[in-house]
Amino acid sequence: KKEVNRIGYRNIEQYYLFIGREMSPQNIQKIYD
């Protein structure tokens, strides 16, 4: 979530996030949100 501030709101066409661990569906949803 803190990364959102670093990325800012630039004109991103495609964004991919790779996480080096397992995540629950609820936490993936939180990240997506």
Full PDB file with SEQRES, HELIX, SHEET, SSBOND, CRYST1, ORIGX, SCALE, CONECT and MASTER records, all heavy atoms in Angstrom:
SEQRES   1 A   33  LYS LYS GLU VAL ASN ARG ILE GLY TYR ARG ASN ILE GLU          
SEQRES   2 A   33  GLN TYR TYR LEU PHE ILE GLY ARG GLU MET SER PRO GLN          
SEQRES   3 A   33  ASN ILE GLN LYS ILE TYR ASP                                  
HELIX    1 AA1 LYS A    2  ILE A    7  1                                   6    
HELIX    2 AA2 PRO A   25  TYR A   32  1                                   8    
CRYST1    1.000    1.000    1.000  90.00  90.00  90.00 P 1           1          
ORIGX1      1.000000  0.000000  0.000000        0.00000                         
ORIGX2      0.000000  1.000000  0.000000        0.00000                         
ORIGX3      0.000000  0.000000  1.000000        0.00000                         
SCALE1      1.000000  0.000000  0.000000        0.00000                         
SCALE2      0.000000  1.000000  0.000000        0.00000                         
SCALE3      0.000000  0.000000  1.000000        0.00000                         
ATOM      1  N   LYS A   1       0.834  -1.207   0.000  1.00  0.00           N  
ATOM      2  CA  LYS A   1       0.000   0.000   0.000  1.00  0.00           C  
ATOM      3  C   LYS A   1       0.868   1.258   0.000  1.00  0.00           C  
ATOM      4  O   LYS A   1       0.535   2.245  -0.643  1.00  0.00           O  
ATOM      5  CB  LYS A   1      -0.938   0.005   1.206  1.00  0.00           C  
ATOM      6  CG  LYS A   1      -2.124  -0.914   1.044  1.00  0.00           C  
ATOM      7  CD  LYS A   1      -3.021  -0.818   2.268  1.00  0.00           C  
ATOM      8  CE  LYS A   1      -4.264  -1.656   2.120  1.00  0.00           C  
ATOM      9  NZ  LYS A   1      -5.153  -1.528   3.293  1.00  0.00           N  
ATOM     10  N   LYS A   2       1.990   1.223   0.714  1.00  0.00           N  
ATOM     11  CA  LYS A   2       2.900   2.367   0.732  1.00  0.00           C  
ATOM     12  C   LYS A   2       3.506   2.612  -0.648  1.00  0.00           C  
ATOM     13  O   LYS A   2       3.851   3.742  -0.992  1.00  0.00           O  
ATOM     14  CB  LYS A   2       4.016   2.152   1.757  1.00  0.00           C  
ATOM     15  CG  LYS A   2       3.538   2.274   3.170  1.00  0.00           C  
ATOM     16  CD  LYS A   2       4.671   2.043   4.150  1.00  0.00           C  
ATOM     17  CE  LYS A   2       4.140   2.074   5.577  1.00  0.00           C  
ATOM     18  NZ  LYS A   2       5.185   1.781   6.556  1.00  0.00           N  
ATOM     19  N   GLU A   3       3.630   1.547  -1.436  1.00  0.00           N  
ATOM     20  CA  GLU A   3       4.172   1.684  -2.789  1.00  0.00           C  
ATOM     21  C   GLU A   3       3.279   2.560  -3.664  1.00  0.00           C  
ATOM     22  O   GLU A   3       3.748   3.188  -4.605  1.00  0.00           O  
ATOM     23  CB  GLU A   3       4.357   0.318  -3.453  1.00  0.00           C  
ATOM     24  CG  GLU A   3       5.427  -0.527  -2.831  1.00  0.00           C  
ATOM     25  CD  GLU A   3       6.816   0.051  -3.000  1.00  0.00           C  
ATOM     26  OE1 GLU A   3       7.116   0.566  -4.098  1.00  0.00           O  
ATOM     27  OE2 GLU A   3       7.592  -0.001  -2.041  1.00  0.00           O  
ATOM     28  N   VAL A   4       1.979   2.587  -3.350  1.00  0.00           N  
ATOM     29  CA  VAL A   4       1.046   3.410  -4.128  1.00  0.00           C  
ATOM     30  C   VAL A   4       1.518   4.858  -4.126  1.00  0.00           C  
ATOM     31  O   VAL A   4       1.499   5.534  -5.158  1.00  0.00           O  
ATOM     32  CB  VAL A   4      -0.391   3.299  -3.562  1.00  0.00           C  
ATOM     33  CG1 VAL A   4      -1.322   4.266  -4.259  1.00  0.00           C  
ATOM     34  CG2 VAL A   4      -0.893   1.877  -3.696  1.00  0.00           C  
ATOM     35  N   ASN A   5       1.979   5.328  -2.985  1.00  0.00           N  
ATOM     36  CA  ASN A   5       2.456   6.708  -2.892  1.00  0.00           C  
ATOM     37  C   ASN A   5       3.709   6.927  -3.722  1.00  0.00           C  
ATOM     38  O   ASN A   5       3.903   8.004  -4.285  1.00  0.00           O  
ATOM     39  CB  ASN A   5       2.727   7.078  -1.428  1.00  0.00           C  
ATOM     40  CG  ASN A   5       1.465   7.078  -0.618  1.00  0.00           C  
ATOM     41  OD1 ASN A   5       0.398   7.370  -1.128  1.00  0.00           O  
ATOM     42  ND2 ASN A   5       1.569   6.724   0.645  1.00  0.00           N  
ATOM     43  N   ARG A   6       4.559   5.922  -3.809  1.00  0.00           N  
ATOM     44  CA  ARG A   6       5.787   6.052  -4.596  1.00  0.00           C  
ATOM     45  C   ARG A   6       5.487   6.031  -6.091  1.00  0.00           C  
ATOM     46  O   ARG A   6       6.133   6.715  -6.867  1.00  0.00           O  
ATOM     47  CB  ARG A   6       6.753   4.920  -4.244  1.00  0.00           C  
ATOM     48  CG  ARG A   6       7.288   5.054  -2.827  1.00  0.00           C  
ATOM     49  CD  ARG A   6       8.245   3.947  -2.485  1.00  0.00           C  
ATOM     50  NE  ARG A   6       9.432   4.046  -3.312  1.00  0.00           N  
ATOM     51  CZ  ARG A   6      10.156   3.009  -3.693  1.00  0.00           C  
ATOM     52  NH1 ARG A   6       9.824   1.791  -3.331  1.00  0.00           N  
ATOM     53  NH2 ARG A   6      11.224   3.177  -4.436  1.00  0.00           N  
ATOM     54  N   ILE A   7       4.522   5.225  -6.485  1.00  0.00           N  
ATOM     55  CA  ILE A   7       4.163   5.134  -7.902  1.00  0.00           C  
ATOM     56  C   ILE A   7       3.492   6.416  -8.353  1.00  0.00           C  
ATOM     57  O   ILE A   7       3.695   6.894  -9.454  1.00  0.00           O  
ATOM     58  CB  ILE A   7       3.207   3.948  -8.164  1.00  0.00           C  
ATOM     59  CG1 ILE A   7       3.891   2.631  -7.831  1.00  0.00           C  
ATOM     60  CG2 ILE A   7       2.738   3.935  -9.614  1.00  0.00           C  
ATOM     61  CD1 ILE A   7       2.944   1.470  -7.776  1.00  0.00           C  
ATOM     62  N   GLY A   8       2.670   6.976  -7.467  1.00  0.00           N  
ATOM     63  CA  GLY A   8       1.933   8.178  -7.825  1.00  0.00           C  
ATOM     64  C   GLY A   8       0.819   7.837  -8.796  1.00  0.00           C  
ATOM     65  O   GLY A   8       0.432   6.693  -8.958  1.00  0.00           O  
ATOM     66  N   TYR A   9       0.336   8.814  -9.450  1.00  0.00           N  
ATOM     67  CA  TYR A   9      -0.772   8.611 -10.384  1.00  0.00           C  
ATOM     68  C   TYR A   9      -0.334   8.962 -11.793  1.00  0.00           C  
ATOM     69  O   TYR A   9      -0.970   9.721 -12.495  1.00  0.00           O  
ATOM     70  CB  TYR A   9      -1.992   9.427  -9.931  1.00  0.00           C  
ATOM     71  CG  TYR A   9      -2.535   8.896  -8.644  1.00  0.00           C  
ATOM     72  CD1 TYR A   9      -2.213   9.476  -7.430  1.00  0.00           C  
ATOM     73  CD2 TYR A   9      -3.329   7.756  -8.642  1.00  0.00           C  
ATOM     74  CE1 TYR A   9      -2.689   8.946  -6.237  1.00  0.00           C  
ATOM     75  CE2 TYR A   9      -3.810   7.221  -7.459  1.00  0.00           C  
ATOM     76  CZ  TYR A   9      -3.483   7.814  -6.268  1.00  0.00           C  
ATOM     77  OH  TYR A   9      -3.952   7.282  -5.095  1.00  0.00           O  
ATOM     78  N   ARG A  10       0.782   8.375 -12.180  1.00  0.00           N  
ATOM     79  CA  ARG A  10       1.265   8.587 -13.549  1.00  0.00           C  
ATOM     80  C   ARG A  10       0.383   7.822 -14.530  1.00  0.00           C  
ATOM     81  O   ARG A  10      -0.432   7.010 -14.125  1.00  0.00           O  
ATOM     82  CB  ARG A  10       2.737   8.199 -13.660  1.00  0.00           C  
ATOM     83  CG  ARG A  10       3.054   6.826 -13.136  1.00  0.00           C  
ATOM     84  CD  ARG A  10       4.518   6.522 -13.223  1.00  0.00           C  
ATOM     85  NE  ARG A  10       5.083   6.610 -11.883  1.00  0.00           N  
ATOM     86  CZ  ARG A  10       6.344   6.687 -11.623  1.00  0.00           C  
ATOM     87  NH1 ARG A  10       7.206   6.704 -12.571  1.00  0.00           N  
ATOM     88  NH2 ARG A  10       6.775   6.755 -10.399  1.00  0.00           N  
ATOM     89  N   ASN A  11       0.578   8.046 -15.768  1.00  0.00           N  
ATOM     90  CA  ASN A  11      -0.233   7.436 -16.811  1.00  0.00           C  
ATOM     91  C   ASN A  11       0.241   6.003 -17.080  1.00  0.00           C  
ATOM     92  O   ASN A  11       0.930   5.747 -18.053  1.00  0.00           O  
ATOM     93  CB  ASN A  11      -0.159   8.281 -18.085  1.00  0.00           C  
ATOM     94  CG  ASN A  11      -1.097   7.770 -19.150  1.00  0.00           C  
ATOM     95  OD1 ASN A  11      -2.081   7.111 -18.848  1.00  0.00           O  
ATOM     96  ND2 ASN A  11      -0.782   8.063 -20.389  1.00  0.00           N  
ATOM     97  N   ILE A  12      -0.139   5.088 -16.208  1.00  0.00           N  
ATOM     98  CA  ILE A  12       0.292   3.693 -16.335  1.00  0.00           C  
ATOM     99  C   ILE A  12      -0.702   2.946 -17.212  1.00  0.00           C  
ATOM    100  O   ILE A  12      -1.902   2.941 -16.956  1.00  0.00           O  
ATOM    101  CB  ILE A  12       0.405   3.038 -14.949  1.00  0.00           C  
ATOM    102  CG1 ILE A  12       1.503   3.731 -14.152  1.00  0.00           C  
ATOM    103  CG2 ILE A  12       0.679   1.543 -15.081  1.00  0.00           C  
ATOM    104  CD1 ILE A  12       1.608   3.299 -12.723  1.00  0.00           C  
ATOM    105  N   GLU A  13      -0.181   2.324 -18.263  1.00  0.00           N  
ATOM    106  CA  GLU A  13      -1.025   1.536 -19.162  1.00  0.00           C  
ATOM    107  C   GLU A  13      -1.209   0.116 -18.651  1.00  0.00           C  
ATOM    108  O   GLU A  13      -2.304  -0.439 -18.725  1.00  0.00           O  
ATOM    109  CB  GLU A  13      -0.411   1.500 -20.562  1.00  0.00           C  
ATOM    110  CG  GLU A  13      -0.440   2.831 -21.261  1.00  0.00           C  
ATOM    111  CD  GLU A  13       0.278   2.788 -22.596  1.00  0.00           C  
ATOM    112  OE1 GLU A  13       0.387   1.710 -23.205  1.00  0.00           O  
ATOM    113  OE2 GLU A  13       0.743   3.851 -23.034  1.00  0.00           O  
ATOM    114  N   GLN A  14      -0.123  -0.490 -18.193  1.00  0.00           N  
ATOM    115  CA  GLN A  14      -0.171  -1.850 -17.668  1.00  0.00           C  
ATOM    116  C   GLN A  14       0.737  -1.921 -16.445  1.00  0.00           C  
ATOM    117  O   GLN A  14       1.870  -1.457 -16.490  1.00  0.00           O  
ATOM    118  CB  GLN A  14       0.294  -2.866 -18.711  1.00  0.00           C  
ATOM    119  CG  GLN A  14      -0.604  -2.970 -19.913  1.00  0.00           C  
ATOM    120  CD  GLN A  14      -0.028  -3.934 -20.937  1.00  0.00           C  
ATOM    121  OE1 GLN A  14       0.351  -5.037 -20.611  1.00  0.00           O  
ATOM    122  NE2 GLN A  14       0.047  -3.481 -22.173  1.00  0.00           N  
ATOM    123  N   TYR A  15       0.217  -2.505 -15.372  1.00  0.00           N  
ATOM    124  CA  TYR A  15       0.953  -2.606 -14.122  1.00  0.00           C  
ATOM    125  C   TYR A  15       0.879  -4.058 -13.655  1.00  0.00           C  
ATOM    126  O   TYR A  15      -0.203  -4.646 -13.638  1.00  0.00           O  
ATOM    127  CB  TYR A  15       0.329  -1.669 -13.083  1.00  0.00           C  
ATOM    128  CG  TYR A  15       0.962  -1.741 -11.728  1.00  0.00           C  
ATOM    129  CD1 TYR A  15       2.119  -1.016 -11.448  1.00  0.00           C  
ATOM    130  CD2 TYR A  15       0.416  -2.512 -10.721  1.00  0.00           C  
ATOM    131  CE1 TYR A  15       2.710  -1.072 -10.192  1.00  0.00           C  
ATOM    132  CE2 TYR A  15       0.990  -2.571  -9.470  1.00  0.00           C  
ATOM    133  CZ  TYR A  15       2.137  -1.860  -9.214  1.00  0.00           C  
ATOM    134  OH  TYR A  15       2.721  -1.919  -7.981  1.00  0.00           O  
ATOM    135  N   TYR A  16       2.020  -4.611 -13.294  1.00  0.00           N  
ATOM    136  CA  TYR A  16       2.110  -5.993 -12.845  1.00  0.00           C  
ATOM    137  C   TYR A  16       2.795  -6.023 -11.488  1.00  0.00           C  
ATOM    138  O   TYR A  16       3.817  -5.371 -11.286  1.00  0.00           O  
ATOM    139  CB  TYR A  16       2.904  -6.841 -13.843  1.00  0.00           C  
ATOM    140  CG  TYR A  16       2.236  -6.900 -15.189  1.00  0.00           C  
ATOM    141  CD1 TYR A  16       2.453  -5.906 -16.138  1.00  0.00           C  
ATOM    142  CD2 TYR A  16       1.347  -7.928 -15.499  1.00  0.00           C  
ATOM    143  CE1 TYR A  16       1.818  -5.941 -17.366  1.00  0.00           C  
ATOM    144  CE2 TYR A  16       0.707  -7.956 -16.727  1.00  0.00           C  
ATOM    145  CZ  TYR A  16       0.954  -6.962 -17.651  1.00  0.00           C  
ATOM    146  OH  TYR A  16       0.316  -6.996 -18.863  1.00  0.00           O  
ATOM    147  N   LEU A  17       2.229  -6.781 -10.564  1.00  0.00           N  
ATOM    148  CA  LEU A  17       2.775  -6.894  -9.220  1.00  0.00           C  
ATOM    149  C   LEU A  17       3.106  -8.358  -8.948  1.00  0.00           C  
ATOM    150  O   LEU A  17       2.239  -9.230  -9.052  1.00  0.00           O  
ATOM    151  CB  LEU A  17       1.760  -6.380  -8.193  1.00  0.00           C  
ATOM    152  CG  LEU A  17       2.134  -6.515  -6.731  1.00  0.00           C  
ATOM    153  CD1 LEU A  17       3.398  -5.703  -6.406  1.00  0.00           C  
ATOM    154  CD2 LEU A  17       0.970  -6.072  -5.844  1.00  0.00           C  
ATOM    155  N   PHE A  18       4.363  -8.620  -8.606  1.00  0.00           N  
ATOM    156  CA  PHE A  18       4.833  -9.963  -8.267  1.00  0.00           C  
ATOM    157  C   PHE A  18       5.181  -9.976  -6.783  1.00  0.00           C  
ATOM    158  O   PHE A  18       5.977  -9.156  -6.329  1.00  0.00           O  
ATOM    159  CB  PHE A  18       6.073 -10.320  -9.088  1.00  0.00           C  
ATOM    160  CG  PHE A  18       5.808 -10.380 -10.558  1.00  0.00           C  
ATOM    161  CD1 PHE A  18       5.923  -9.249 -11.342  1.00  0.00           C  
ATOM    162  CD2 PHE A  18       5.426 -11.571 -11.160  1.00  0.00           C  
ATOM    163  CE1 PHE A  18       5.678  -9.295 -12.713  1.00  0.00           C  
ATOM    164  CE2 PHE A  18       5.170 -11.626 -12.522  1.00  0.00           C  
ATOM    165  CZ  PHE A  18       5.303 -10.497 -13.301  1.00  0.00           C  
ATOM    166  N   ILE A  19       4.566 -10.899  -6.046  1.00  0.00           N  
ATOM    167  CA  ILE A  19       4.774 -10.982  -4.599  1.00  0.00           C  
ATOM    168  C   ILE A  19       5.438 -12.314  -4.282  1.00  0.00           C  
ATOM    169  O   ILE A  19       4.895 -13.374  -4.606  1.00  0.00           O  
ATOM    170  CB  ILE A  19       3.441 -10.848  -3.835  1.00  0.00           C  
ATOM    171  CG1 ILE A  19       2.702  -9.571  -4.258  1.00  0.00           C  
ATOM    172  CG2 ILE A  19       3.687 -10.880  -2.332  1.00  0.00           C  
ATOM    173  CD1 ILE A  19       1.278  -9.493  -3.755  1.00  0.00           C  
ATOM    174  N   GLY A  20       6.571 -12.249  -3.626  1.00  0.00           N  
ATOM    175  CA  GLY A  20       7.344 -13.458  -3.325  1.00  0.00           C  
ATOM    176  C   GLY A  20       6.865 -14.197  -2.101  1.00  0.00           C  
ATOM    177  O   GLY A  20       7.665 -14.557  -1.240  1.00  0.00           O  
ATOM    178  N   ARG A  21       5.582 -14.409  -1.992  1.00  0.00           N  
ATOM    179  CA  ARG A  21       4.993 -15.196  -0.909  1.00  0.00           C  
ATOM    180  C   ARG A  21       3.540 -15.511  -1.262  1.00  0.00           C  
ATOM    181  O   ARG A  21       2.982 -14.937  -2.191  1.00  0.00           O  
ATOM    182  CB  ARG A  21       5.076 -14.473   0.431  1.00  0.00           C  
ATOM    183  CG  ARG A  21       4.309 -13.169   0.483  1.00  0.00           C  
ATOM    184  CD  ARG A  21       3.909 -12.734   1.898  1.00  0.00           C  
ATOM    185  NE  ARG A  21       3.013 -13.720   2.447  1.00  0.00           N  
ATOM    186  CZ  ARG A  21       3.170 -14.336   3.633  1.00  0.00           C  
ATOM    187  NH1 ARG A  21       4.155 -14.039   4.412  1.00  0.00           N  
ATOM    188  NH2 ARG A  21       2.306 -15.235   4.053  1.00  0.00           N  
ATOM    189  N   GLU A  22       2.928 -16.413  -0.519  1.00  0.00           N  
ATOM    190  CA  GLU A  22       1.509 -16.697  -0.685  1.00  0.00           C  
ATOM    191  C   GLU A  22       0.694 -15.601  -0.025  1.00  0.00           C  
ATOM    192  O   GLU A  22       1.139 -14.988   0.958  1.00  0.00           O  
ATOM    193  CB  GLU A  22       1.149 -18.041  -0.029  1.00  0.00           C  
ATOM    194  CG  GLU A  22       1.426 -19.244  -0.906  1.00  0.00           C  
ATOM    195  CD  GLU A  22       0.595 -19.232  -2.168  1.00  0.00           C  
ATOM    196  OE1 GLU A  22      -0.580 -18.825  -2.152  1.00  0.00           O  
ATOM    197  OE2 GLU A  22       1.147 -19.641  -3.194  1.00  0.00           O  
ATOM    198  N   MET A  23      -0.481 -15.354  -0.558  1.00  0.00           N  
ATOM    199  CA  MET A  23      -1.382 -14.358   0.013  1.00  0.00           C  
ATOM    200  C   MET A  23      -2.802 -14.925   0.000  1.00  0.00           C  
ATOM    201  O   MET A  23      -3.177 -15.653  -0.923  1.00  0.00           O  
ATOM    202  CB  MET A  23      -1.355 -13.065  -0.806  1.00  0.00           C  
ATOM    203  CG  MET A  23      -0.018 -12.358  -0.867  1.00  0.00           C  
ATOM    204  SD  MET A  23       0.596 -11.752   0.703  1.00  0.00           S  
ATOM    205  CE  MET A  23      -0.541 -10.410   1.036  1.00  0.00           C  
ATOM    206  N   SER A  24      -3.587 -14.562   1.005  1.00  0.00           N  
ATOM    207  CA  SER A  24      -4.986 -14.990   1.046  1.00  0.00           C  
ATOM    208  C   SER A  24      -5.783 -14.194   0.019  1.00  0.00           C  
ATOM    209  O   SER A  24      -5.382 -13.088  -0.366  1.00  0.00           O  
ATOM    210  CB  SER A  24      -5.565 -14.751   2.440  1.00  0.00           C  
ATOM    211  OG  SER A  24      -5.708 -13.363   2.675  1.00  0.00           O  
ATOM    212  N   PRO A  25      -6.923 -14.732  -0.406  1.00  0.00           N  
ATOM    213  CA  PRO A  25      -7.778 -13.974  -1.333  1.00  0.00           C  
ATOM    214  C   PRO A  25      -8.187 -12.612  -0.769  1.00  0.00           C  
ATOM    215  O   PRO A  25      -8.255 -11.629  -1.499  1.00  0.00           O  
ATOM    216  CB  PRO A  25      -9.005 -14.880  -1.516  1.00  0.00           C  
ATOM    217  CG  PRO A  25      -8.512 -16.248  -1.216  1.00  0.00           C  
ATOM    218  CD  PRO A  25      -7.453 -16.077  -0.155  1.00  0.00           C  
ATOM    219  N   GLN A  26      -8.414 -12.536   0.548  1.00  0.00           N  
ATOM    220  CA  GLN A  26      -8.805 -11.272   1.170  1.00  0.00           C  
ATOM    221  C   GLN A  26      -7.679 -10.248   1.079  1.00  0.00           C  
ATOM    222  O   GLN A  26      -7.925  -9.069   0.814  1.00  0.00           O  
ATOM    223  CB  GLN A  26      -9.175 -11.493   2.647  1.00  0.00           C  
ATOM    224  CG  GLN A  26     -10.383 -12.377   2.848  1.00  0.00           C  
ATOM    225  CD  GLN A  26     -10.039 -13.881   2.833  1.00  0.00           C  
ATOM    226  OE1 GLN A  26      -8.893 -14.290   2.697  1.00  0.00           O  
ATOM    227  NE2 GLN A  26     -11.062 -14.698   2.947  1.00  0.00           N  
ATOM    228  N   ASN A  27      -6.442 -10.690   1.293  1.00  0.00           N  
ATOM    229  CA  ASN A  27      -5.315  -9.762   1.223  1.00  0.00           C  
ATOM    230  C   ASN A  27      -5.004  -9.351  -0.212  1.00  0.00           C  
ATOM    231  O   ASN A  27      -4.608  -8.217  -0.455  1.00  0.00           O  
ATOM    232  CB  ASN A  27      -4.089 -10.354   1.919  1.00  0.00           C  
ATOM    233  CG  ASN A  27      -4.209 -10.252   3.425  1.00  0.00           C  
ATOM    234  OD1 ASN A  27      -4.750  -9.291   3.945  1.00  0.00           O  
ATOM    235  ND2 ASN A  27      -3.724 -11.250   4.138  1.00  0.00           N  
ATOM    236  N   ILE A  28      -5.199 -10.254  -1.151  1.00  0.00           N  
ATOM    237  CA  ILE A  28      -5.041  -9.883  -2.560  1.00  0.00           C  
ATOM    238  C   ILE A  28      -6.074  -8.813  -2.918  1.00  0.00           C  
ATOM    239  O   ILE A  28      -5.759  -7.844  -3.603  1.00  0.00           O  
ATOM    240  CB  ILE A  28      -5.158 -11.112  -3.482  1.00  0.00           C  
ATOM    241  CG1 ILE A  28      -3.922 -12.001  -3.304  1.00  0.00           C  
ATOM    242  CG2 ILE A  28      -5.311 -10.696  -4.946  1.00  0.00           C  
ATOM    243  CD1 ILE A  28      -3.996 -13.324  -4.010  1.00  0.00           C  
ATOM    244  N   GLN A  29      -7.287  -8.966  -2.410  1.00  0.00           N  
ATOM    245  CA  GLN A  29      -8.328  -7.963  -2.666  1.00  0.00           C  
ATOM    246  C   GLN A  29      -7.946  -6.617  -2.061  1.00  0.00           C  
ATOM    247  O   GLN A  29      -8.136  -5.576  -2.682  1.00  0.00           O  
ATOM    248  CB  GLN A  29      -9.682  -8.438  -2.119  1.00  0.00           C  
ATOM    249  CG  GLN A  29     -10.834  -7.509  -2.452  1.00  0.00           C  
ATOM    250  CD  GLN A  29     -11.093  -7.407  -3.946  1.00  0.00           C  
ATOM    251  OE1 GLN A  29     -11.157  -8.417  -4.646  1.00  0.00           O  
ATOM    252  NE2 GLN A  29     -11.228  -6.195  -4.460  1.00  0.00           N  
ATOM    253  N   LYS A  30      -7.383  -6.624  -0.852  1.00  0.00           N  
ATOM    254  CA  LYS A  30      -6.948  -5.372  -0.221  1.00  0.00           C  
ATOM    255  C   LYS A  30      -5.877  -4.680  -1.063  1.00  0.00           C  
ATOM    256  O   LYS A  30      -5.900  -3.459  -1.241  1.00  0.00           O  
ATOM    257  CB  LYS A  30      -6.394  -5.642   1.180  1.00  0.00           C  
ATOM    258  CG  LYS A  30      -7.439  -5.976   2.198  1.00  0.00           C  
ATOM    259  CD  LYS A  30      -6.783  -6.288   3.541  1.00  0.00           C  
ATOM    260  CE  LYS A  30      -7.799  -6.785   4.544  1.00  0.00           C  
ATOM    261  NZ  LYS A  30      -7.158  -7.173   5.824  1.00  0.00           N  
ATOM    262  N   ILE A  31      -4.947  -5.470  -1.572  1.00  0.00           N  
ATOM    263  CA  ILE A  31      -3.891  -4.911  -2.424  1.00  0.00           C  
ATOM    264  C   ILE A  31      -4.511  -4.336  -3.693  1.00  0.00           C  
ATOM    265  O   ILE A  31      -4.214  -3.213  -4.094  1.00  0.00           O  
ATOM    266  CB  ILE A  31      -2.833  -5.980  -2.758  1.00  0.00           C  
ATOM    267  CG1 ILE A  31      -2.047  -6.346  -1.496  1.00  0.00           C  
ATOM    268  CG2 ILE A  31      -1.898  -5.501  -3.863  1.00  0.00           C  
ATOM    269  CD1 ILE A  31      -1.205  -7.603  -1.640  1.00  0.00           C  
ATOM    270  N   TYR A  32      -5.381  -5.105  -4.315  1.00  0.00           N  
ATOM    271  CA  TYR A  32      -6.036  -4.649  -5.537  1.00  0.00           C  
ATOM    272  C   TYR A  32      -6.806  -3.347  -5.292  1.00  0.00           C  
ATOM    273  O   TYR A  32      -6.702  -2.402  -6.069  1.00  0.00           O  
ATOM    274  CB  TYR A  32      -6.967  -5.737  -6.068  1.00  0.00           C  
ATOM    275  CG  TYR A  32      -7.736  -5.312  -7.294  1.00  0.00           C  
ATOM    276  CD1 TYR A  32      -7.076  -5.111  -8.506  1.00  0.00           C  
ATOM    277  CD2 TYR A  32      -9.099  -5.097  -7.240  1.00  0.00           C  
ATOM    278  CE1 TYR A  32      -7.774  -4.703  -9.636  1.00  0.00           C  
ATOM    279  CE2 TYR A  32      -9.803  -4.697  -8.365  1.00  0.00           C  
ATOM    280  CZ  TYR A  32      -9.135  -4.500  -9.552  1.00  0.00           C  
ATOM    281  OH  TYR A  32      -9.823  -4.094 -10.663  1.00  0.00           O  
ATOM    282  N   ASP A  33      -7.547  -3.304  -4.188  1.00  0.00           N  
ATOM    283  CA  ASP A  33      -8.324  -2.103  -3.869  1.00  0.00           C  
ATOM    284  C   ASP A  33      -7.415  -0.879  -3.723  1.00  0.00           C  
ATOM    285  O   ASP A  33      -7.767   0.215  -4.153  1.00  0.00           O  
ATOM    286  CB  ASP A  33      -9.139  -2.302  -2.589  1.00  0.00           C  
ATOM    287  CG  ASP A  33     -10.278  -3.295  -2.769  1.00  0.00           C  
ATOM    288  OD1 ASP A  33     -10.637  -3.614  -3.925  1.00  0.00           O  
ATOM    289  OD2 ASP A  33     -10.801  -3.769  -1.742  1.00  0.00           O  
TER     290      ASP A  33                                                      
MASTER        0    0    0    2    0    0    0    6  289    1    0    3          
END                                                                             
